PDB file of N, CA and C in Angstrom:
ATOM      1  N   MET A   1    -134.561-177.243  40.926  1.00  0.00           N
ATOM      2  CA  MET A   1    -134.448-175.923  40.063  1.00  0.00           C
ATOM      3  C   MET A   1    -134.642-174.939  41.252  1.00  0.00           C
ATOM      4  N   ILE A   2    -132.993-173.993  40.831  1.00  0.00           N
ATOM      5  CA  ILE A   2    -133.272-172.803  41.318  1.00  0.00           C
ATOM      6  C   ILE A   2    -133.499-171.959  40.501  1.00  0.00           C
ATOM      7  N   THR A   3    -134.281-170.912  41.517  1.00  0.00           N
ATOM      8  CA  THR A   3    -134.695-169.833  40.545  1.00  0.00           C
ATOM      9  C   THR A   3    -134.102-168.297  41.313  1.00  0.00           C
ATOM     10  N   ALA A   4    -133.947-167.691  40.579  1.00  0.00           N
ATOM     11  CA  ALA A   4    -133.127-166.132  41.242  1.00  0.00           C
ATOM     12  C   ALA A   4    -133.813-165.308  40.135  1.00  0.00           C
ATOM     13  N   ILE A   5    -134.014-164.184  41.259  1.00  0.00           N
ATOM     14  CA  ILE A   5    -134.571-162.521  41.109  1.00  0.00           C
ATOM     15  C   ILE A   5    -133.324-161.818  40.610  1.00  0.00           C
ATOM     16  N   VAL A   6    -134.189-160.901  39.364  1.00  0.00           N
ATOM     17  CA  VAL A   6    -132.744-160.307  38.495  1.00  0.00           C
ATOM     18  C   VAL A   6    -133.290-159.050  38.958  1.00  0.00           C
ATOM     19  N   LEU A   7    -132.634-158.354  40.336  1.00  0.00           N
ATOM     20  CA  LEU A   7    -133.262-156.517  40.170  1.00  0.00           C
ATOM     21  C   LEU A   7    -132.421-155.798  38.817  1.00  0.00           C
ATOM     22  N   ILE A   8    -132.490-155.439  37.811  1.00  0.00           N
ATOM     23  CA  ILE A   8    -131.872-154.431  36.655  1.00  0.00           C
ATOM     24  C   ILE A   8    -132.240-153.161  36.146  1.00  0.00           C
ATOM     25  N   LYS A   9    -131.095-152.304  36.705  1.00  0.00           N
ATOM     26  CA  LYS A   9    -131.011-151.217  36.748  1.00  0.00           C
ATOM     27  C   LYS A   9    -130.510-151.305  34.358  1.00  0.00           C
ATOM     28  N   THR A  10    -131.380-150.228  34.128  1.00  0.00           N
ATOM     29  CA  THR A  10    -131.068-150.370  32.486  1.00  0.00           C
ATOM     30  C   THR A  10    -130.734-149.132  32.265  1.00  0.00           C
ATOM     31  N   SER A  11    -130.516-148.335  30.977  1.00  0.00           N
ATOM     32  CA  SER A  11    -131.046-146.880  30.076  1.00  0.00           C
ATOM     33  C   SER A  11    -132.332-147.281  30.317  1.00  0.00           C
ATOM     34  N   VAL A  12    -133.032-146.054  31.003  1.00  0.00           N
ATOM     35  CA  VAL A  12    -134.118-145.957  30.842  1.00  0.00           C
ATOM     36  C   VAL A  12    -134.846-145.306  30.166  1.00  0.00           C
ATOM     37  N   ASP A  13    -134.133-144.837  28.726  1.00  0.00           N
ATOM     38  CA  ASP A  13    -134.801-144.702  27.142  1.00  0.00           C
ATOM     39  C   ASP A  13    -134.826-146.156  26.521  1.00  0.00           C
ATOM     40  N   ARG A  14    -134.889-147.075  26.746  1.00  0.00           N
ATOM     41  CA  ARG A  14    -134.311-148.327  26.437  1.00  0.00           C
ATOM     42  C   ARG A  14    -134.659-149.606  26.965  1.00  0.00           C
ATOM     43  N   ILE A  15    -136.144-148.969  28.366  1.00  0.00           N
ATOM     44  CA  ILE A  15    -136.453-149.962  29.112  1.00  0.00           C
ATOM     45  C   ILE A  15    -137.232-151.222  27.820  1.00  0.00           C
ATOM     46  N   PRO A  16    -138.032-150.786  27.458  1.00  0.00           N
ATOM     47  CA  PRO A  16    -139.412-152.173  26.296  1.00  0.00           C
ATOM     48  C   PRO A  16    -138.228-152.877  25.391  1.00  0.00           C
ATOM     49  N   GLU A  17    -137.301-152.596  25.234  1.00  0.00           N
ATOM     50  CA  GLU A  17    -136.203-153.108  24.051  1.00  0.00           C
ATOM     51  C   GLU A  17    -135.346-153.803  24.812  1.00  0.00           C
ATOM     52  N   ILE A  18    -134.960-153.520  25.966  1.00  0.00           N
ATOM     53  CA  ILE A  18    -133.613-154.589  27.249  1.00  0.00           C
ATOM     54  C   ILE A  18    -134.498-155.433  27.386  1.00  0.00           C
ATOM     55  N   ALA A  19    -136.210-155.323  27.585  1.00  0.00           N
ATOM     56  CA  ALA A  19    -136.776-156.239  28.185  1.00  0.00           C
ATOM     57  C   ALA A  19    -137.218-157.403  27.150  1.00  0.00           C
ATOM     58  N   GLU A  20    -137.569-156.841  26.367  1.00  0.00           N
ATOM     59  CA  GLU A  20    -137.832-158.192  25.485  1.00  0.00           C
ATOM     60  C   GLU A  20    -136.773-158.971  25.245  1.00  0.00           C
ATOM     61  N   SER A  21    -135.323-158.253  24.730  1.00  0.00           N
ATOM     62  CA  SER A  21    -134.135-158.800  24.915  1.00  0.00           C
ATOM     63  C   SER A  21    -134.000-160.007  26.455  1.00  0.00           C
ATOM     64  N   ILE A  22    -134.437-159.623  27.079  1.00  0.00           N
ATOM     65  CA  ILE A  22    -133.757-160.105  27.976  1.00  0.00           C
ATOM     66  C   ILE A  22    -134.374-161.367  27.956  1.00  0.00           C
ATOM     67  N   ALA A  23    -135.714-161.056  28.394  1.00  0.00           N
ATOM     68  CA  ALA A  23    -137.627-162.322  28.003  1.00  0.00           C
ATOM     69  C   ALA A  23    -137.115-163.059  27.275  1.00  0.00           C
ATOM     70  N   ALA A  24    -136.370-162.908  26.267  1.00  0.00           N
ATOM     71  CA  ALA A  24    -136.242-163.785  25.094  1.00  0.00           C
ATOM     72  C   ALA A  24    -134.880-165.057  24.533  1.00  0.00           C
ATOM     73  N   LEU A  25    -133.812-164.772  26.662  1.00  0.00           N
ATOM     74  CA  LEU A  25    -132.536-165.285  26.892  1.00  0.00           C
ATOM     75  C   LEU A  25    -133.788-167.019  27.662  1.00  0.00           C
ATOM     76  N   GLU A  26    -132.603-167.718  26.955  1.00  0.00           N
ATOM     77  CA  GLU A  26    -133.487-169.307  27.818  1.00  0.00           C
ATOM     78  C   GLU A  26    -132.980-168.909  29.429  1.00  0.00           C
ATOM     79  N   ASN A  27    -134.281-169.422  29.938  1.00  0.00           N
ATOM     80  CA  ASN A  27    -134.213-170.149  31.083  1.00  0.00           C
ATOM     81  C   ASN A  27    -134.317-168.646  31.874  1.00  0.00           C
ATOM     82  N   VAL A  28    -134.745-167.839  31.511  1.00  0.00           N
ATOM     83  CA  VAL A  28    -135.424-166.616  31.454  1.00  0.00           C
ATOM     84  C   VAL A  28    -137.022-166.786  31.641  1.00  0.00           C
ATOM     85  N   SER A  29    -137.994-166.676  32.436  1.00  0.00           N
ATOM     86  CA  SER A  29    -139.618-167.330  32.886  1.00  0.00           C
ATOM     87  C   SER A  29    -140.114-166.002  32.916  1.00  0.00           C
ATOM     88  N   GLU A  30    -139.770-164.713  32.912  1.00  0.00           N
ATOM     89  CA  GLU A  30    -140.767-163.987  33.199  1.00  0.00           C
ATOM     90  C   GLU A  30    -139.652-162.116  33.244  1.00  0.00           C
ATOM     91  N   VAL A  31    -140.134-161.108  33.541  1.00  0.00           N
ATOM     92  CA  VAL A  31    -139.767-159.957  32.989  1.00  0.00           C
ATOM     93  C   VAL A  31    -140.610-158.737  33.648  1.00  0.00           C
ATOM     94  N   PHE A  32    -139.983-157.893  34.563  1.00  0.00           N
ATOM     95  CA  PHE A  32    -141.315-156.956  34.733  1.00  0.00           C
ATOM     96  C   PHE A  32    -140.735-155.875  35.088  1.00  0.00           C
ATOM     97  N   SER A  33    -141.516-154.820  34.057  1.00  0.00           N
ATOM     98  CA  SER A  33    -140.920-153.652  33.958  1.00  0.00           C
ATOM     99  C   SER A  33    -141.558-153.061  35.689  1.00  0.00           C
ATOM    100  N   VAL A  34    -140.317-152.076  36.338  1.00  0.00           N
ATOM    101  CA  VAL A  34    -141.037-151.806  37.763  1.00  0.00           C
ATOM    102  C   VAL A  34    -141.143-149.897  37.830  1.00  0.00           C
ATOM    103  N   THR A  35    -141.209-149.610  39.200  1.00  0.00           N
ATOM    104  CA  THR A  35    -141.031-148.306  39.548  1.00  0.00           C
ATOM    105  C   THR A  35    -139.864-148.666  40.192  1.00  0.00           C
ATOM    106  N   GLY A  36    -139.267-147.872  41.214  1.00  0.00           N
ATOM    107  CA  GLY A  36    -138.548-147.626  41.937  1.00  0.00           C
ATOM    108  C   GLY A  36    -136.975-147.518  41.801  1.00  0.00           C
ATOM    109  N   THR A  37    -135.830-148.123  43.119  1.00  0.00           N
ATOM    110  CA  THR A  37    -134.785-147.784  42.091  1.00  0.00           C
ATOM    111  C   THR A  37    -134.535-148.144  41.446  1.00  0.00           C
ATOM    112  N   TYR A  38    -135.088-149.901  40.937  1.00  0.00           N
ATOM    113  CA  TYR A  38    -134.493-151.097  39.339  1.00  0.00           C
ATOM    114  C   TYR A  38    -135.631-150.480  38.302  1.00  0.00           C
ATOM    115  N   ASP A  39    -135.250-150.599  37.363  1.00  0.00           N
ATOM    116  CA  ASP A  39    -136.234-151.448  36.108  1.00  0.00           C
ATOM    117  C   ASP A  39    -136.470-151.853  35.561  1.00  0.00           C
ATOM    118  N   LEU A  40    -136.636-152.746  35.713  1.00  0.00           N
ATOM    119  CA  LEU A  40    -136.406-154.493  35.215  1.00  0.00           C
ATOM    120  C   LEU A  40    -136.421-155.292  36.709  1.00  0.00           C
ATOM    121  N   ILE A  41    -137.792-156.391  36.581  1.00  0.00           N
ATOM    122  CA  ILE A  41    -136.881-157.468  37.734  1.00  0.00           C
ATOM    123  C   ILE A  41    -137.227-158.823  36.797  1.00  0.00           C
ATOM    124  N   ALA A  42    -136.278-159.802  36.956  1.00  0.00           N
ATOM    125  CA  ALA A  42    -136.622-161.014  35.719  1.00  0.00           C
ATOM    126  C   ALA A  42    -136.307-161.835  36.832  1.00  0.00           C
ATOM    127  N   MET A  43    -136.751-163.008  36.099  1.00  0.00           N
ATOM    128  CA  MET A  43    -137.033-164.458  36.615  1.00  0.00           C
ATOM    129  C   MET A  43    -136.803-164.985  36.044  1.00  0.00           C
ATOM    130  N   VAL A  44    -135.182-165.839  36.670  1.00  0.00           N
ATOM    131  CA  VAL A  44    -134.417-166.619  36.504  1.00  0.00           C
ATOM    132  C   VAL A  44    -134.617-167.627  36.448  1.00  0.00           C
ATOM    133  N   ARG A  45    -135.298-168.934  35.763  1.00  0.00           N
ATOM    134  CA  ARG A  45    -134.977-171.284  36.720  1.00  0.00           C
ATOM    135  C   ARG A  45    -133.902-172.076  35.695  1.00  0.00           C
ATOM    136  N   VAL A  46    -133.301-172.649  36.788  1.00  0.00           N
ATOM    137  CA  VAL A  46    -131.532-173.346  36.306  1.00  0.00           C
ATOM    138  C   VAL A  46    -132.097-174.633  37.005  1.00  0.00           C
ATOM    139  N   PRO A  47    -131.224-175.812  36.375  1.00  0.00           N
ATOM    140  CA  PRO A  47    -131.306-176.438  37.070  1.00  0.00           C
ATOM    141  C   PRO A  47    -130.090-176.483  38.325  1.00  0.00           C
ATOM    142  N   ARG A  48    -128.997-175.702  37.504  1.00  0.00           N
ATOM    143  CA  ARG A  48    -128.142-175.999  38.607  1.00  0.00           C
ATOM    144  C   ARG A  48    -127.126-174.552  39.109  1.00  0.00           C
ATOM    145  N   HIS A  49    -126.405-174.142  40.512  1.00  0.00           N
ATOM    146  CA  HIS A  49    -125.937-173.050  40.723  1.00  0.00           C
ATOM    147  C   HIS A  49    -125.294-172.679  40.030  1.00  0.00           C
ATOM    148  N   ASP A  50    -124.325-173.263  39.497  1.00  0.00           N
ATOM    149  CA  ASP A  50    -123.120-173.236  38.357  1.00  0.00           C
ATOM    150  C   ASP A  50    -124.031-172.263  37.110  1.00  0.00           C
ATOM    151  N   ASP A  51    -125.158-172.725  36.334  1.00  0.00           N
ATOM    152  CA  ASP A  51    -126.119-172.127  35.184  1.00  0.00           C
ATOM    153  C   ASP A  51    -126.229-170.087  35.947  1.00  0.00           C
ATOM    154  N   LEU A  52    -126.637-170.510  36.824  1.00  0.00           N
ATOM    155  CA  LEU A  52    -126.743-168.955  36.973  1.00  0.00           C
ATOM    156  C   LEU A  52    -126.033-167.942  35.964  1.00  0.00           C
ATOM    157  N   ALA A  53    -124.047-168.396  36.856  1.00  0.00           N
ATOM    158  CA  ALA A  53    -123.653-167.548  36.207  1.00  0.00           C
ATOM    159  C   ALA A  53    -123.267-166.931  34.128  1.00  0.00           C
ATOM    160  N   GLU A  54    -123.983-168.459  33.871  1.00  0.00           N
ATOM    161  CA  GLU A  54    -123.942-168.785  33.058  1.00  0.00           C
ATOM    162  C   GLU A  54    -124.771-167.172  32.367  1.00  0.00           C
ATOM    163  N   VAL A  55    -126.640-167.337  33.051  1.00  0.00           N
ATOM    164  CA  VAL A  55    -127.194-166.350  32.253  1.00  0.00           C
ATOM    165  C   VAL A  55    -127.363-165.182  32.903  1.00  0.00           C
ATOM    166  N   ILE A  56    -126.808-165.039  34.588  1.00  0.00           N
ATOM    167  CA  ILE A  56    -126.649-163.460  34.129  1.00  0.00           C
ATOM    168  C   ILE A  56    -125.635-162.513  34.601  1.00  0.00           C
ATOM    169  N   PRO A  57    -124.788-162.999  34.204  1.00  0.00           N
ATOM    170  CA  PRO A  57    -123.177-162.097  34.024  1.00  0.00           C
ATOM    171  C   PRO A  57    -122.972-162.096  32.770  1.00  0.00           C
ATOM    172  N   GLY A  58    -122.989-164.159  32.132  1.00  0.00           N
ATOM    173  CA  GLY A  58    -123.223-164.470  31.464  1.00  0.00           C
ATOM    174  C   GLY A  58    -123.707-163.395  29.526  1.00  0.00           C
ATOM    175  N   ARG A  59    -124.560-163.574  30.155  1.00  0.00           N
ATOM    176  CA  ARG A  59    -125.745-163.327  29.427  1.00  0.00           C
ATOM    177  C   ARG A  59    -126.717-161.546  29.333  1.00  0.00           C
ATOM    178  N   ILE A  60    -127.508-161.822  30.587  1.00  0.00           N
ATOM    179  CA  ILE A  60    -128.123-160.479  30.481  1.00  0.00           C
ATOM    180  C   ILE A  60    -127.448-159.073  30.964  1.00  0.00           C
ATOM    181  N   SER A  61    -126.129-159.905  31.622  1.00  0.00           N
ATOM    182  CA  SER A  61    -125.413-158.540  31.743  1.00  0.00           C
ATOM    183  C   SER A  61    -124.316-157.661  30.664  1.00  0.00           C
ATOM    184  N   LYS A  62    -124.540-158.779  29.479  1.00  0.00           N
ATOM    185  CA  LYS A  62    -123.929-158.023  28.690  1.00  0.00           C
ATOM    186  C   LYS A  62    -124.865-157.320  27.421  1.00  0.00           C
ATOM    187  N   ILE A  63    -126.451-157.855  27.391  1.00  0.00           N
ATOM    188  CA  ILE A  63    -127.083-156.731  26.841  1.00  0.00           C
ATOM    189  C   ILE A  63    -126.715-155.259  26.862  1.00  0.00           C
ATOM    190  N   PRO A  64    -126.489-154.984  25.616  1.00  0.00           N
ATOM    191  CA  PRO A  64    -126.532-153.148  25.456  1.00  0.00           C
ATOM    192  C   PRO A  64    -127.724-152.419  26.458  1.00  0.00           C
ATOM    193  N   GLY A  65    -127.049-151.262  26.981  1.00  0.00           N
ATOM    194  CA  GLY A  65    -128.484-150.587  28.250  1.00  0.00           C
ATOM    195  C   GLY A  65    -128.823-151.577  29.436  1.00  0.00           C
ATOM    196  N   VAL A  66    -128.187-152.396  29.716  1.00  0.00           N
ATOM    197  CA  VAL A  66    -128.033-152.820  31.346  1.00  0.00           C
ATOM    198  C   VAL A  66    -126.749-152.625  32.013  1.00  0.00           C
ATOM    199  N   GLU A  67    -127.636-151.892  32.921  1.00  0.00           N
ATOM    200  CA  GLU A  67    -126.348-151.100  33.817  1.00  0.00           C
ATOM    201  C   GLU A  67    -125.529-151.672  35.086  1.00  0.00           C
ATOM    202  N   ALA A  68    -127.101-152.490  35.215  1.00  0.00           N
ATOM    203  CA  ALA A  68    -125.902-153.068  36.756  1.00  0.00           C
ATOM    204  C   ALA A  68    -126.963-154.412  37.340  1.00  0.00           C
ATOM    205  N   THR A  69    -126.858-155.190  37.400  1.00  0.00           N
ATOM    206  CA  THR A  69    -127.761-155.895  38.004  1.00  0.00           C
ATOM    207  C   THR A  69    -127.748-156.637  40.163  1.00  0.00           C
ATOM    208  N   ASP A  70    -128.613-157.209  40.083  1.00  0.00           N
ATOM    209  CA  ASP A  70    -128.418-157.345  42.402  1.00  0.00           C
ATOM    210  C   ASP A  70    -129.391-158.386  41.515  1.00  0.00           C
ATOM    211  N   THR A  71    -128.735-159.748  42.744  1.00  0.00           N
ATOM    212  CA  THR A  71    -129.640-160.419  41.949  1.00  0.00           C
ATOM    213  C   THR A  71    -129.700-161.587  43.907  1.00  0.00           C
ATOM    214  N   HIS A  72    -130.850-162.225  43.626  1.00  0.00           N
ATOM    215  CA  HIS A  72    -131.260-162.747  44.541  1.00  0.00           C
ATOM    216  C   HIS A  72    -131.872-164.231  44.505  1.00  0.00           C
ATOM    217  N   VAL A  73    -131.551-164.842  45.399  1.00  0.00           N
ATOM    218  CA  VAL A  73    -132.093-166.887  44.945  1.00  0.00           C
ATOM    219  C   VAL A  73    -132.800-167.036  46.093  1.00  0.00           C
ATOM    220  N   ALA A  74    -133.857-167.424  45.402  1.00  0.00           N
ATOM    221  CA  ALA A  74    -134.661-167.500  46.345  1.00  0.00           C
ATOM    222  C   ALA A  74    -134.633-169.009  47.095  1.00  0.00           C
ATOM    223  N   PHE A  75    -134.987-169.376  48.568  1.00  0.00           N
ATOM    224  CA  PHE A  75    -134.350-170.954  49.492  1.00  0.00           C
ATOM    225  C   PHE A  75    -135.862-171.644  48.857  1.00  0.00           C
ATOM    226  N   ARG A  76    -136.881-170.967  48.577  1.00  0.00           N
ATOM    227  CA  ARG A  76    -137.870-171.675  49.240  1.00  0.00           C
ATOM    228  C   ARG A  76    -139.141-170.762  48.184  1.00  0.00           C
ATOM    229  N   THR A  77    -139.492-172.027  47.454  1.00  0.00           N
ATOM    230  CA  THR A  77    -141.533-171.207  46.741  1.00  0.00           C
ATOM    231  C   THR A  77    -142.902-171.488  47.547  1.00  0.00           C
ATOM    232  N   TYR A  78    -143.283-170.021  47.479  1.00  0.00           N
ATOM    233  CA  TYR A  78    -144.490-170.574  47.880  1.00  0.00           C
ATOM    234  C   TYR A  78    -145.055-169.069  46.736  1.00  0.00           C
ATOM    235  N   SER A  79    -146.335-170.359  46.461  1.00  0.00           N
ATOM    236  CA  SER A  79    -147.522-170.111  45.693  1.00  0.00           C
ATOM    237  C   SER A  79    -148.656-170.165  45.616  1.00  0.00           C
ATOM    238  N   GLN A  80    -149.794-169.243  45.898  1.00  0.00           N
ATOM    239  CA  GLN A  80    -151.079-169.542  45.857  1.00  0.00           C
ATOM    240  C   GLN A  80    -151.115-170.496  45.258  1.00  0.00           C
ATOM    241  N   HIS A  81    -150.651-170.022  44.333  1.00  0.00           N
ATOM    242  CA  HIS A  81    -151.291-172.419  42.844  1.00  0.00           C
ATOM    243  C   HIS A  81    -151.116-172.841  43.673  1.00  0.00           C
ATOM    244  N   ASP A  82    -149.781-173.714  44.028  1.00  0.00           N
ATOM    245  CA  ASP A  82    -148.992-174.362  44.308  1.00  0.00           C
ATOM    246  C   ASP A  82    -150.346-174.734  45.888  1.00  0.00           C
ATOM    247  N   LEU A  83    -150.440-174.502  47.044  1.00  0.00           N
ATOM    248  CA  LEU A  83    -150.582-174.580  48.064  1.00  0.00           C
ATOM    249  C   LEU A  83    -152.604-174.760  47.650  1.00  0.00           C
ATOM    250  N   GLU A  84    -153.202-174.198  46.452  1.00  0.00           N
ATOM    251  CA  GLU A  84    -154.817-174.848  45.896  1.00  0.00           C
ATOM    252  C   GLU A  84    -154.713-176.352  46.118  1.00  0.00           C
ATOM    253  N   ALA A  85    -153.475-176.594  44.791  1.00  0.00           N
ATOM    254  CA  ALA A  85    -153.352-177.869  44.164  1.00  0.00           C
ATOM    255  C   ALA A  85    -152.776-179.262  45.393  1.00  0.00           C
ATOM    256  N   ALA A  86    -152.251-178.406  46.443  1.00  0.00           N
ATOM    257  CA  ALA A  86    -151.922-179.314  47.304  1.00  0.00           C
ATOM    258  C   ALA A  86    -153.311-179.742  47.782  1.00  0.00           C
ATOM    259  N   PHE A  87    -154.224-178.694  48.251  1.00  0.00           N
ATOM    260  CA  PHE A  87    -155.021-178.539  48.848  1.00  0.00           C
ATOM    261  C   PHE A  87    -156.222-179.730  48.051  1.00  0.00           C
ATOM    262  N   ALA A  88    -156.060-179.473  46.804  1.00  0.00           N
ATOM    263  CA  ALA A  88    -157.319-180.471  46.396  1.00  0.00           C
ATOM    264  C   ALA A  88    -156.994-182.192  45.614  1.00  0.00           C
ATOM    265  N   ILE A  89    -155.508-182.168  45.901  1.00  0.00           N
ATOM    266  CA  ILE A  89    -155.343-184.320  46.185  1.00  0.00           C
ATOM    267  C   ILE A  89    -156.165-185.089  46.516  1.00  0.00           C
ATOM    268  N   GLY A  90    -156.665-185.812  45.700  1.00  0.00           N
ATOM    269  CA  GLY A  90    -157.491-186.708  46.276  1.00  0.00           C
ATOM    270  C   GLY A  90    -158.731-186.261  45.802  1.00  0.00           C
ATOM    271  N   LEU A  91    -159.116-184.545  45.562  1.00  0.00           N
ATOM    272  CA  LEU A  91    -160.755-183.993  45.700  1.00  0.00           C
ATOM    273  C   LEU A  91    -161.323-184.666  43.865  1.00  0.00           C
ATOM    274  N   GLU A  92    -162.479-185.001  44.084  1.00  0.00           N
ATOM    275  CA  GLU A  92    -163.081-185.070  42.443  1.00  0.00           C
ATOM    276  C   GLU A  92    -163.609-183.866  42.793  1.00  0.00           C
ATOM    277  N   SER A  93    -163.451-183.390  41.521  1.00  0.00           N
ATOM    278  CA  SER A  93    -164.851-182.213  40.911  1.00  0.00           C
ATOM    279  C   SER A  93    -165.997-182.262  40.940  1.00  0.00           C
TER     280      SER A  93
END
């Protein structure tokens, strides 16, 4: 699975509606409203790199009020949840 972090600039007066529209898209797992240069951050998970083009410029960028996106593709994922699960293998509760 390929994970992309999409930083999104939007029309400020429509952030909640735009966030809900993005969150409803297939392959978008989370959308965060944030402070700073960008208004939203979306986590996109797809099986193939080619699928990113369909989701990000093909769907996210076409939502009314989305002004710009900046996409970062993850090389590797590190998660506290994954680490805890790995250390628990073979242990009985």
